[in-house]
């Protein structure tokens, strides 16, 4: 266990925190331009941008949910139509023939 600090030191030397932060910043893109009136409060500017974006996302989510509900209702109706058994054409014809009264031929008259 005595060599643990050396291992931690070796590990820390392998990971340059500033380099990692720089890579993340590069990955995320260039910095957002802060308006002149907000230069003294950049955190406030970023928080207001995040808040506005979250509000827009909530509105979009609500609209998306409404559309998904419409799609769900349409799919439910379609499933009901597809699942509901339709009378077979042959069975319908057979039942119609059974219900029809036999017609008398003109030769049967007496």
PDB file of N, CA and C in Angstrom:
ATOM      1  N   UNK A   1       0.811  -1.203   0.000  1.00  0.00           N
ATOM      2  CA  UNK A   1       0.000   0.000   0.000  1.00  0.00           C
ATOM      3  C   UNK A   1       0.852   1.266   0.000  1.00  0.00           C
ATOM      4  N   UNK A   2       2.096   1.145   0.331  1.00  0.00           N
ATOM      5  CA  UNK A   2       2.971   2.311   0.394  1.00  0.00           C
ATOM      6  C   UNK A   2       3.162   2.935  -0.975  1.00  0.00           C
ATOM      7  N   UNK A   3       3.051   2.145  -2.020  1.00  0.00           N
ATOM      8  CA  UNK A   3       3.257   2.683  -3.362  1.00  0.00           C
ATOM      9  C   UNK A   3       1.991   3.269  -3.984  1.00  0.00           C
ATOM     10  N   UNK A   4       0.913   3.338  -3.238  1.00  0.00           N
ATOM     11  CA  UNK A   4      -0.347   3.877  -3.748  1.00  0.00           C
ATOM     12  C   UNK A   4      -0.208   5.335  -4.181  1.00  0.00           C
ATOM     13  N   UNK A   5       0.399   6.223  -3.392  1.00  0.00           N
ATOM     14  CA  UNK A   5       0.532   7.619  -3.850  1.00  0.00           C
ATOM     15  C   UNK A   5       1.297   7.722  -5.164  1.00  0.00           C
ATOM     16  N   UNK A   6       2.307   6.879  -5.345  1.00  0.00           N
ATOM     17  CA  UNK A   6       3.058   6.909  -6.602  1.00  0.00           C
ATOM     18  C   UNK A   6       2.161   6.500  -7.761  1.00  0.00           C
ATOM     19  N   UNK A   7       1.317   5.496  -7.528  1.00  0.00           N
ATOM     20  CA  UNK A   7       0.408   5.060  -8.591  1.00  0.00           C
ATOM     21  C   UNK A   7      -0.584   6.164  -8.933  1.00  0.00           C
ATOM     22  N   UNK A   8      -1.058   6.851  -7.917  1.00  0.00           N
ATOM     23  CA  UNK A   8      -1.994   7.955  -8.156  1.00  0.00           C
ATOM     24  C   UNK A   8      -1.283   9.064  -8.909  1.00  0.00           C
ATOM     25  N   UNK A   9      -0.050   9.356  -8.506  1.00  0.00           N
ATOM     26  CA  UNK A   9       0.728  10.380  -9.209  1.00  0.00           C
ATOM     27  C   UNK A   9       0.967  10.000 -10.650  1.00  0.00           C
ATOM     28  N   UNK A  10       1.287   8.733 -10.887  1.00  0.00           N
ATOM     29  CA  UNK A  10       1.477   8.257 -12.263  1.00  0.00           C
ATOM     30  C   UNK A  10       0.181   8.374 -13.063  1.00  0.00           C
ATOM     31  N   UNK A  11      -0.903   8.013 -12.418  1.00  0.00           N
ATOM     32  CA  UNK A  11      -2.203   8.083 -13.075  1.00  0.00           C
ATOM     33  C   UNK A  11      -2.554   9.527 -13.410  1.00  0.00           C
ATOM     34  N   UNK A  12      -2.325  10.429 -12.472  1.00  0.00           N
ATOM     35  CA  UNK A  12      -2.645  11.843 -12.687  1.00  0.00           C
ATOM     36  C   UNK A  12      -1.768  12.438 -13.779  1.00  0.00           C
ATOM     37  N   UNK A  13      -0.537  11.965 -13.868  1.00  0.00           N
ATOM     38  CA  UNK A  13       0.338  12.494 -14.919  1.00  0.00           C
ATOM     39  C   UNK A  13      -0.126  12.040 -16.304  1.00  0.00           C
ATOM     40  N   UNK A  14      -0.823  10.928 -16.361  1.00  0.00           N
ATOM     41  CA  UNK A  14      -1.328  10.446 -17.638  1.00  0.00           C
ATOM     42  C   UNK A  14      -2.550  11.235 -18.108  1.00  0.00           C
ATOM     43  N   UNK A  15      -3.287  11.801 -17.166  1.00  0.00           N
ATOM     44  CA  UNK A  15      -4.489  12.565 -17.490  1.00  0.00           C
ATOM     45  C   UNK A  15      -4.248  14.037 -17.195  1.00  0.00           C
ATOM     46  N   UNK A  16      -4.169  14.816 -18.231  1.00  0.00           N
ATOM     47  CA  UNK A  16      -3.990  16.252 -18.087  1.00  0.00           C
ATOM     48  C   UNK A  16      -5.382  16.883 -18.089  1.00  0.00           C
ATOM     49  N   UNK A  17      -5.828  17.323 -16.927  1.00  0.00           N
ATOM     50  CA  UNK A  17      -7.186  17.854 -16.780  1.00  0.00           C
ATOM     51  C   UNK A  17      -7.418  19.055 -17.699  1.00  0.00           C
ATOM     52  N   UNK A  18      -6.462  19.933 -17.805  1.00  0.00           N
ATOM     53  CA  UNK A  18      -6.625  21.108 -18.672  1.00  0.00           C
ATOM     54  C   UNK A  18      -6.776  20.692 -20.136  1.00  0.00           C
ATOM     55  N   UNK A  19      -6.050  19.672 -20.530  1.00  0.00           N
ATOM     56  CA  UNK A  19      -6.161  19.181 -21.907  1.00  0.00           C
ATOM     57  C   UNK A  19      -7.543  18.573 -22.158  1.00  0.00           C
ATOM     58  N   UNK A  20      -8.038  17.836 -21.168  1.00  0.00           N
ATOM     59  CA  UNK A  20      -9.375  17.237 -21.288  1.00  0.00           C
ATOM     60  C   UNK A  20     -10.432  18.328 -21.411  1.00  0.00           C
ATOM     61  N   UNK A  21     -10.344  19.350 -20.573  1.00  0.00           N
ATOM     62  CA  UNK A  21     -11.301  20.462 -20.627  1.00  0.00           C
ATOM     63  C   UNK A  21     -11.214  21.163 -21.977  1.00  0.00           C
ATOM     64  N   UNK A  22     -10.012  21.377 -22.464  1.00  0.00           N
ATOM     65  CA  UNK A  22      -9.828  21.996 -23.779  1.00  0.00           C
ATOM     66  C   UNK A  22     -10.446  21.160 -24.883  1.00  0.00           C
ATOM     67  N   UNK A  23     -10.262  19.851 -24.802  1.00  0.00           N
ATOM     68  CA  UNK A  23     -10.854  18.960 -25.806  1.00  0.00           C
ATOM     69  C   UNK A  23     -12.373  19.003 -25.769  1.00  0.00           C
ATOM     70  N   UNK A  24     -12.932  19.045 -24.572  1.00  0.00           N
ATOM     71  CA  UNK A  24     -14.392  19.121 -24.442  1.00  0.00           C
ATOM     72  C   UNK A  24     -14.907  20.431 -25.027  1.00  0.00           C
ATOM     73  N   UNK A  25     -14.218  21.540 -24.742  1.00  0.00           N
ATOM     74  CA  UNK A  25     -14.627  22.834 -25.292  1.00  0.00           C
ATOM     75  C   UNK A  25     -14.571  22.815 -26.818  1.00  0.00           C
ATOM     76  N   UNK A  26     -13.519  22.215 -27.354  1.00  0.00           N
ATOM     77  CA  UNK A  26     -13.387  22.128 -28.802  1.00  0.00           C
ATOM     78  C   UNK A  26     -14.501  21.275 -29.384  1.00  0.00           C
ATOM     79  N   UNK A  27     -14.806  20.179 -28.705  1.00  0.00           N
ATOM     80  CA  UNK A  27     -15.861  19.285 -29.164  1.00  0.00           C
ATOM     81  C   UNK A  27     -17.212  19.993 -29.175  1.00  0.00           C
ATOM     82  N   UNK A  28     -17.463  20.767 -28.142  1.00  0.00           N
ATOM     83  CA  UNK A  28     -18.759  21.447 -28.030  1.00  0.00           C
ATOM     84  C   UNK A  28     -18.874  22.629 -28.977  1.00  0.00           C
ATOM     85  N   UNK A  29     -17.781  23.113 -29.481  1.00  0.00           N
ATOM     86  CA  UNK A  29     -17.836  24.205 -30.441  1.00  0.00           C
ATOM     87  C   UNK A  29     -17.294  25.485 -29.847  1.00  0.00           C
ATOM     88  N   UNK A  30     -17.381  26.502 -30.644  1.00  0.00           N
ATOM     89  CA  UNK A  30     -16.851  27.791 -30.210  1.00  0.00           C
ATOM     90  C   UNK A  30     -17.729  28.396 -29.130  1.00  0.00           C
ATOM     91  N   UNK A  31     -17.151  29.328 -28.430  1.00  0.00           N
ATOM     92  CA  UNK A  31     -17.900  29.973 -27.342  1.00  0.00           C
ATOM     93  C   UNK A  31     -18.991  30.861 -27.911  1.00  0.00           C
ATOM     94  N   UNK A  32     -20.049  30.999 -27.167  1.00  0.00           N
ATOM     95  CA  UNK A  32     -21.170  31.842 -27.545  1.00  0.00           C
ATOM     96  C   UNK A  32     -20.766  33.295 -27.317  1.00  0.00           C
ATOM     97  N   UNK A  33     -21.114  34.124 -28.270  1.00  0.00           N
ATOM     98  CA  UNK A  33     -20.813  35.544 -28.133  1.00  0.00           C
ATOM     99  C   UNK A  33     -21.782  36.174 -27.137  1.00  0.00           C
ATOM    100  N   UNK A  34     -21.236  36.780 -26.109  1.00  0.00           N
ATOM    101  CA  UNK A  34     -22.046  37.411 -25.067  1.00  0.00           C
ATOM    102  C   UNK A  34     -22.277  38.862 -25.459  1.00  0.00           C
ATOM    103  N   UNK A  35     -23.534  39.305 -25.442  1.00  0.00           N
ATOM    104  CA  UNK A  35     -23.821  40.704 -25.773  1.00  0.00           C
ATOM    105  C   UNK A  35     -23.109  41.658 -24.814  1.00  0.00           C
ATOM    106  N   UNK A  36     -22.836  42.860 -25.290  1.00  0.00           N
ATOM    107  CA  UNK A  36     -22.090  43.847 -24.505  1.00  0.00           C
ATOM    108  C   UNK A  36     -22.767  44.146 -23.167  1.00  0.00           C
ATOM    109  N   UNK A  37     -24.098  44.217 -23.166  1.00  0.00           N
ATOM    110  CA  UNK A  37     -24.812  44.535 -21.918  1.00  0.00           C
ATOM    111  C   UNK A  37     -24.733  43.412 -20.894  1.00  0.00           C
ATOM    112  N   UNK A  38     -24.341  42.219 -21.322  1.00  0.00           N
ATOM    113  CA  UNK A  38     -24.248  41.078 -20.395  1.00  0.00           C
ATOM    114  C   UNK A  38     -22.800  40.685 -20.104  1.00  0.00           C
ATOM    115  N   UNK A  39     -21.826  41.464 -20.588  1.00  0.00           N
ATOM    116  CA  UNK A  39     -20.420  41.119 -20.387  1.00  0.00           C
ATOM    117  C   UNK A  39     -20.066  41.028 -18.906  1.00  0.00           C
ATOM    118  N   UNK A  40     -20.727  41.827 -18.064  1.00  0.00           N
ATOM    119  CA  UNK A  40     -20.417  41.801 -16.630  1.00  0.00           C
ATOM    120  C   UNK A  40     -21.092  40.630 -15.914  1.00  0.00           C
ATOM    121  N   UNK A  41     -22.021  39.937 -16.596  1.00  0.00           N
ATOM    122  CA  UNK A  41     -22.715  38.809 -15.988  1.00  0.00           C
ATOM    123  C   UNK A  41     -22.848  37.667 -17.004  1.00  0.00           C
ATOM    124  N   UNK A  42     -21.722  37.052 -17.396  1.00  0.00           N
ATOM    125  CA  UNK A  42     -21.802  35.991 -18.402  1.00  0.00           C
ATOM    126  C   UNK A  42     -22.577  34.764 -17.923  1.00  0.00           C
ATOM    127  N   UNK A  43     -22.488  34.464 -16.638  1.00  0.00           N
ATOM    128  CA  UNK A  43     -23.236  33.306 -16.112  1.00  0.00           C
ATOM    129  C   UNK A  43     -24.730  33.549 -16.240  1.00  0.00           C
ATOM    130  N   UNK A  44     -25.161  34.765 -15.918  1.00  0.00           N
ATOM    131  CA  UNK A  44     -26.573  35.113 -16.044  1.00  0.00           C
ATOM    132  C   UNK A  44     -27.042  35.001 -17.480  1.00  0.00           C
ATOM    133  N   UNK A  45     -26.188  35.436 -18.417  1.00  0.00           N
ATOM    134  CA  UNK A  45     -26.540  35.338 -19.832  1.00  0.00           C
ATOM    135  C   UNK A  45     -26.733  33.880 -20.233  1.00  0.00           C
ATOM    136  N   UNK A  46     -25.782  33.035 -19.858  1.00  0.00           N
ATOM    137  CA  UNK A  46     -25.870  31.619 -20.225  1.00  0.00           C
ATOM    138  C   UNK A  46     -27.086  30.957 -19.561  1.00  0.00           C
ATOM    139  N   UNK A  47     -27.357  31.309 -18.312  1.00  0.00           N
ATOM    140  CA  UNK A  47     -28.528  30.752 -17.630  1.00  0.00           C
ATOM    141  C   UNK A  47     -29.819  31.181 -18.317  1.00  0.00           C
ATOM    142  N   UNK A  48     -29.884  32.431 -18.742  1.00  0.00           N
ATOM    143  CA  UNK A  48     -31.100  32.887 -19.432  1.00  0.00           C
ATOM    144  C   UNK A  48     -31.246  32.185 -20.786  1.00  0.00           C
ATOM    145  N   UNK A  49     -30.130  31.956 -21.483  1.00  0.00           N
ATOM    146  CA  UNK A  49     -30.175  31.217 -22.752  1.00  0.00           C
ATOM    147  C   UNK A  49     -30.659  29.785 -22.526  1.00  0.00           C
ATOM    148  N   UNK A  50     -30.144  29.158 -21.486  1.00  0.00           N
ATOM    149  CA  UNK A  50     -30.546  27.788 -21.171  1.00  0.00           C
ATOM    150  C   UNK A  50     -32.020  27.751 -20.800  1.00  0.00           C
ATOM    151  N   UNK A  51     -32.476  28.713 -20.002  1.00  0.00           N
ATOM    152  CA  UNK A  51     -33.875  28.771 -19.585  1.00  0.00           C
ATOM    153  C   UNK A  51     -34.793  28.926 -20.796  1.00  0.00           C
ATOM    154  N   UNK A  52     -34.435  29.832 -21.702  1.00  0.00           N
ATOM    155  CA  UNK A  52     -35.249  30.041 -22.901  1.00  0.00           C
ATOM    156  C   UNK A  52     -35.284  28.780 -23.763  1.00  0.00           C
ATOM    157  N   UNK A  53     -34.148  28.132 -23.885  1.00  0.00           N
ATOM    158  CA  UNK A  53     -34.104  26.898 -24.683  1.00  0.00           C
ATOM    159  C   UNK A  53     -34.951  25.807 -24.055  1.00  0.00           C
ATOM    160  N   UNK A  54     -34.922  25.715 -22.736  1.00  0.00           N
ATOM    161  CA  UNK A  54     -35.740  24.711 -22.045  1.00  0.00           C
ATOM    162  C   UNK A  54     -37.223  24.995 -22.225  1.00  0.00           C
ATOM    163  N   UNK A  55     -37.604  26.272 -22.180  1.00  0.00           N
ATOM    164  CA  UNK A  55     -39.007  26.626 -22.406  1.00  0.00           C
ATOM    165  C   UNK A  55     -39.445  26.228 -23.807  1.00  0.00           C
ATOM    166  N   UNK A  56     -38.592  26.494 -24.792  1.00  0.00           N
ATOM    167  CA  UNK A  56     -38.912  26.122 -26.177  1.00  0.00           C
ATOM    168  C   UNK A  56     -39.039  24.610 -26.304  1.00  0.00           C
ATOM    169  N   UNK A  57     -38.132  23.884 -25.651  1.00  0.00           N
ATOM    170  CA  UNK A  57     -38.200  22.421 -25.699  1.00  0.00           C
ATOM    171  C   UNK A  57     -39.482  21.901 -25.048  1.00  0.00           C
ATOM    172  N   UNK A  58     -39.907  22.531 -23.950  1.00  0.00           N
ATOM    173  CA  UNK A  58     -41.153  22.116 -23.301  1.00  0.00           C
ATOM    174  C   UNK A  58     -42.341  22.335 -24.223  1.00  0.00           C
ATOM    175  N   UNK A  59     -42.355  23.469 -24.925  1.00  0.00           N
ATOM    176  CA  UNK A  59     -43.441  23.748 -25.863  1.00  0.00           C
ATOM    177  C   UNK A  59     -43.441  22.726 -27.001  1.00  0.00           C
ATOM    178  N   UNK A  60     -42.248  22.438 -27.522  1.00  0.00           N
ATOM    179  CA  UNK A  60     -42.145  21.449 -28.596  1.00  0.00           C
ATOM    180  C   UNK A  60     -42.564  20.071 -28.106  1.00  0.00           C
ATOM    181  N   UNK A  61     -42.196  19.744 -26.887  1.00  0.00           N
ATOM    182  CA  UNK A  61     -42.553  18.438 -26.306  1.00  0.00           C
ATOM    183  C   UNK A  61     -44.068  18.331 -26.171  1.00  0.00           C
ATOM    184  N   UNK A  62     -44.719  19.413 -25.732  1.00  0.00           N
ATOM    185  CA  UNK A  62     -46.174  19.400 -25.595  1.00  0.00           C
ATOM    186  C   UNK A  62     -46.840  19.199 -26.960  1.00  0.00           C
ATOM    187  N   UNK A  63     -46.331  19.901 -27.970  1.00  0.00           N
ATOM    188  CA  UNK A  63     -46.884  19.744 -29.318  1.00  0.00           C
ATOM    189  C   UNK A  63     -46.621  18.335 -29.845  1.00  0.00           C
ATOM    190  N   UNK A  64     -45.444  17.832 -29.563  1.00  0.00           N
ATOM    191  CA  UNK A  64     -45.096  16.470 -29.989  1.00  0.00           C
ATOM    192  C   UNK A  64     -46.004  15.447 -29.313  1.00  0.00           C
ATOM    193  N   UNK A  65     -46.242  15.641 -28.032  1.00  0.00           N
ATOM    194  CA  UNK A  65     -47.111  14.725 -27.290  1.00  0.00           C
ATOM    195  C   UNK A  65     -48.522  14.744 -27.863  1.00  0.00           C
ATOM    196  N   UNK A  66     -49.000  15.932 -28.218  1.00  0.00           N
ATOM    197  CA  UNK A  66     -50.340  16.058 -28.802  1.00  0.00           C
ATOM    198  C   UNK A  66     -50.419  15.295 -30.121  1.00  0.00           C
ATOM    199  N   UNK A  67     -49.404  15.439 -30.950  1.00  0.00           N
ATOM    200  CA  UNK A  67     -49.383  14.733 -32.230  1.00  0.00           C
ATOM    201  C   UNK A  67     -49.264  13.227 -32.022  1.00  0.00           C
ATOM    202  N   UNK A  68     -48.449  12.811 -31.057  1.00  0.00           N
ATOM    203  CA  UNK A  68     -48.321  11.383 -30.771  1.00  0.00           C
ATOM    204  C   UNK A  68     -49.638  10.804 -30.260  1.00  0.00           C
ATOM    205  N   UNK A  69     -50.382  11.590 -29.498  1.00  0.00           N
ATOM    206  CA  UNK A  69     -51.702  11.141 -29.046  1.00  0.00           C
ATOM    207  C   UNK A  69     -52.645  10.935 -30.227  1.00  0.00           C
ATOM    208  N   UNK A  70     -52.587  11.858 -31.204  1.00  0.00           N
ATOM    209  CA  UNK A  70     -53.415  11.709 -32.406  1.00  0.00           C
ATOM    210  C   UNK A  70     -53.047  10.435 -33.160  1.00  0.00           C
ATOM    211  N   UNK A  71     -51.748  10.200 -33.286  1.00  0.00           N
ATOM    212  CA  UNK A  71     -51.287   8.995 -33.986  1.00  0.00           C
ATOM    213  C   UNK A  71     -51.738   7.752 -33.230  1.00  0.00           C
ATOM    214  N   UNK A  72     -51.625   7.788 -31.903  1.00  0.00           N
ATOM    215  CA  UNK A  72     -52.058   6.653 -31.085  1.00  0.00           C
ATOM    216  C   UNK A  72     -53.539   6.378 -31.246  1.00  0.00           C
ATOM    217  N   UNK A  73     -54.341   7.434 -31.268  1.00  0.00           N
ATOM    218  CA  UNK A  73     -55.790   7.256 -31.440  1.00  0.00           C
ATOM    219  C   UNK A  73     -56.103   6.664 -32.809  1.00  0.00           C
ATOM    220  N   UNK A  74     -55.418   7.164 -33.842  1.00  0.00           N
ATOM    221  CA  UNK A  74     -55.646   6.642 -35.190  1.00  0.00           C
ATOM    222  C   UNK A  74     -55.225   5.177 -35.281  1.00  0.00           C
ATOM    223  N   UNK A  75     -54.107   4.838 -34.668  1.00  0.00           N
ATOM    224  CA  UNK A  75     -53.661   3.443 -34.683  1.00  0.00           C
ATOM    225  C   UNK A  75     -54.632   2.543 -33.915  1.00  0.00           C
ATOM    226  N   UNK A  76     -55.154   3.052 -32.805  1.00  0.00           N
ATOM    227  CA  UNK A  76     -56.134   2.286 -32.045  1.00  0.00           C
ATOM    228  C   UNK A  76     -57.387   2.021 -32.859  1.00  0.00           C
ATOM    229  N   UNK A  77     -57.854   3.038 -33.552  1.00  0.00           N
ATOM    230  CA  UNK A  77     -59.035   2.869 -34.409  1.00  0.00           C
ATOM    231  C   UNK A  77     -58.760   1.890 -35.533  1.00  0.00           C
ATOM    232  N   UNK A  78     -57.584   1.998 -36.120  1.00  0.00           N
ATOM    233  CA  UNK A  78     -57.215   1.085 -37.192  1.00  0.00           C
ATOM    234  C   UNK A  78     -57.147  -0.353 -36.687  1.00  0.00           C
ATOM    235  N   UNK A  79     -56.579  -0.548 -35.512  1.00  0.00           N
ATOM    236  CA  UNK A  79     -56.518  -1.893 -34.930  1.00  0.00           C
ATOM    237  C   UNK A  79     -57.919  -2.443 -34.690  1.00  0.00           C
ATOM    238  N   UNK A  80     -58.814  -1.613 -34.191  1.00  0.00           N
ATOM    239  CA  UNK A  80     -60.195  -2.055 -33.966  1.00  0.00           C
ATOM    240  C   UNK A  80     -60.855  -2.480 -35.272  1.00  0.00           C
ATOM    241  N   UNK A  81     -60.596  -1.723 -36.331  1.00  0.00           N
ATOM    242  CA  UNK A  81     -61.169  -2.073 -37.627  1.00  0.00           C
ATOM    243  C   UNK A  81     -60.597  -3.393 -38.124  1.00  0.00           C
ATOM    244  N   UNK A  82     -59.304  -3.553 -37.991  1.00  0.00           N
ATOM    245  CA  UNK A  82     -58.646  -4.759 -38.491  1.00  0.00           C
ATOM    246  C   UNK A  82     -58.982  -5.993 -37.669  1.00  0.00           C
ATOM    247  N   UNK A  83     -59.220  -5.817 -36.385  1.00  0.00           N
ATOM    248  CA  UNK A  83     -59.489  -6.951 -35.505  1.00  0.00           C
ATOM    249  C   UNK A  83     -60.946  -7.372 -35.554  1.00  0.00           C
ATOM    250  N   UNK A  84     -61.845  -6.441 -35.813  1.00  0.00           N
ATOM    251  CA  UNK A  84     -63.267  -6.758 -35.865  1.00  0.00           C
ATOM    252  C   UNK A  84     -63.526  -7.719 -37.012  1.00  0.00           C
ATOM    253  N   UNK A  85     -64.092  -8.883 -36.704  1.00  0.00           N
ATOM    254  CA  UNK A  85     -64.314  -9.863 -37.779  1.00  0.00           C
ATOM    255  C   UNK A  85     -65.375  -9.368 -38.748  1.00  0.00           C
ATOM    256  N   UNK A  86     -65.082  -9.553 -40.004  1.00  0.00           N
ATOM    257  CA  UNK A  86     -66.040  -9.192 -41.043  1.00  0.00           C
ATOM    258  C   UNK A  86     -66.768 -10.459 -41.450  1.00  0.00           C
ATOM    259  N   UNK A  87     -68.045 -10.356 -41.743  1.00  0.00           N
ATOM    260  CA  UNK A  87     -68.780 -11.549 -42.176  1.00  0.00           C
ATOM    261  C   UNK A  87     -68.201 -12.053 -43.487  1.00  0.00           C
ATOM    262  N   UNK A  88     -68.046 -13.354 -43.548  1.00  0.00           N
ATOM    263  CA  UNK A  88     -67.519 -13.984 -44.746  1.00  0.00           C
ATOM    264  C   UNK A  88     -68.556 -13.878 -45.858  1.00  0.00           C
ATOM    265  N   UNK A  89     -68.128 -13.580 -47.057  1.00  0.00           N
ATOM    266  CA  UNK A  89     -69.059 -13.391 -48.176  1.00  0.00           C
ATOM    267  C   UNK A  89     -69.862 -14.648 -48.443  1.00  0.00           C
ATOM    268  N   UNK A  90     -69.231 -15.828 -48.372  1.00  0.00           N
ATOM    269  CA  UNK A  90     -69.949 -17.076 -48.629  1.00  0.00           C
ATOM    270  C   UNK A  90     -70.987 -17.336 -47.556  1.00  0.00           C
ATOM    271  N   UNK A  91     -70.622 -17.049 -46.311  1.00  0.00           N
ATOM    272  CA  UNK A  91     -71.583 -17.254 -45.222  1.00  0.00           C
ATOM    273  C   UNK A  91     -72.761 -16.309 -45.382  1.00  0.00           C
ATOM    274  N   UNK A  92     -72.496 -15.089 -45.833  1.00  0.00           N
ATOM    275  CA  UNK A  92     -73.579 -14.124 -46.029  1.00  0.00           C
ATOM    276  C   UNK A  92     -74.524 -14.602 -47.098  1.00  0.00           C
ATOM    277  N   UNK A  93     -73.980 -15.115 -48.201  1.00  0.00           N
ATOM    278  CA  UNK A  93     -74.826 -15.601 -49.286  1.00  0.00           C
ATOM    279  C   UNK A  93     -75.645 -16.798 -48.830  1.00  0.00           C
ATOM    280  N   UNK A  94     -75.013 -17.699 -48.072  1.00  0.00           N
ATOM    281  CA  UNK A  94     -75.722 -18.884 -47.595  1.00  0.00           C
ATOM    282  C   UNK A  94     -76.860 -18.489 -46.662  1.00  0.00           C
ATOM    283  N   UNK A  95     -76.633 -17.541 -45.790  1.00  0.00           N
ATOM    284  CA  UNK A  95     -77.689 -17.141 -44.869  1.00  0.00           C
ATOM    285  C   UNK A  95     -78.806 -16.424 -45.610  1.00  0.00           C
ATOM    286  N   UNK A  96     -78.466 -15.692 -46.677  1.00  0.00           N
ATOM    287  CA  UNK A  96     -79.493 -15.028 -47.467  1.00  0.00           C
ATOM    288  C   UNK A  96     -80.353 -16.060 -48.192  1.00  0.00           C
ATOM    289  N   UNK A  97     -79.724 -17.116 -48.694  1.00  0.00           N
ATOM    290  CA  UNK A  97     -80.478 -18.141 -49.392  1.00  0.00           C
ATOM    291  C   UNK A  97     -81.431 -18.862 -48.450  1.00  0.00           C
ATOM    292  N   UNK A  98     -81.006 -19.076 -47.216  1.00  0.00           N
ATOM    293  CA  UNK A  98     -81.859 -19.752 -46.247  1.00  0.00           C
ATOM    294  C   UNK A  98     -83.066 -18.900 -45.880  1.00  0.00           C
ATOM    295  N   UNK A  99     -82.881 -17.617 -45.845  1.00  0.00           N
ATOM    296  CA  UNK A  99     -83.977 -16.743 -45.438  1.00  0.00           C
ATOM    297  C   UNK A  99     -84.946 -16.467 -46.572  1.00  0.00           C
ATOM    298  N   UNK A 100     -84.506 -16.655 -47.797  1.00  0.00           N
ATOM    299  CA  UNK A 100     -85.404 -16.427 -48.928  1.00  0.00           C
ATOM    300  C   UNK A 100     -86.426 -17.559 -49.010  1.00  0.00           C
ATOM    301  N   UNK A 101     -87.641 -17.214 -49.349  1.00  0.00           N
ATOM    302  CA  UNK A 101     -88.693 -18.216 -49.524  1.00  0.00           C
ATOM    303  C   UNK A 101     -88.585 -18.779 -50.931  1.00  0.00           C
ATOM    304  N   UNK A 102     -88.812 -20.051 -51.039  1.00  0.00           N
ATOM    305  CA  UNK A 102     -88.752 -20.628 -52.392  1.00  0.00           C
ATOM    306  C   UNK A 102     -89.871 -20.050 -53.251  1.00  0.00           C
ATOM    307  N   UNK A 103     -89.542 -19.716 -54.448  1.00  0.00           N
ATOM    308  CA  UNK A 103     -90.511 -19.130 -55.381  1.00  0.00           C
ATOM    309  C   UNK A 103     -91.239 -20.286 -56.091  1.00  0.00           C
ATOM    310  N   UNK A 104     -92.517 -20.093 -56.282  1.00  0.00           N
ATOM    311  CA  UNK A 104     -93.305 -21.094 -56.997  1.00  0.00           C
ATOM    312  C   UNK A 104     -93.142 -20.888 -58.482  1.00  0.00           C
ATOM    313  N   UNK A 105     -93.042 -21.987 -59.158  1.00  0.00           N
ATOM    314  CA  UNK A 105     -92.935 -21.920 -60.601  1.00  0.00           C
ATOM    315  C   UNK A 105     -94.334 -21.723 -61.177  1.00  0.00           C
ATOM    316  N   UNK A 106     -94.425 -21.189 -62.336  1.00  0.00           N
ATOM    317  CA  UNK A 106     -95.715 -20.943 -62.954  1.00  0.00           C
ATOM    318  C   UNK A 106     -96.446 -22.243 -63.269  1.00  0.00           C
ATOM    319  N   UNK A 107     -95.700 -23.335 -63.413  1.00  0.00           N
ATOM    320  CA  UNK A 107     -96.324 -24.643 -63.676  1.00  0.00           C
ATOM    321  C   UNK A 107     -96.945 -25.229 -62.420  1.00  0.00           C
ATOM    322  N   UNK A 108     -96.554 -24.723 -61.238  1.00  0.00           N
ATOM    323  CA  UNK A 108     -97.072 -25.242 -59.965  1.00  0.00           C
ATOM    324  C   UNK A 108     -98.461 -24.696 -59.682  1.00  0.00           C
ATOM    325  N   UNK A 109     -98.929 -23.753 -60.434  1.00  0.00           N
ATOM    326  CA  UNK A 109    -100.244 -23.155 -60.147  1.00  0.00           C
ATOM    327  C   UNK A 109    -101.330 -24.125 -60.563  1.00  0.00           C
ATOM    328  N   UNK A 110    -102.289 -24.294 -59.747  1.00  0.00           N
ATOM    329  CA  UNK A 110    -103.418 -25.155 -60.113  1.00  0.00           C
ATOM    330  C   UNK A 110    -104.665 -24.666 -59.492  1.00  0.00           C
TER     331      UNK A 110
END
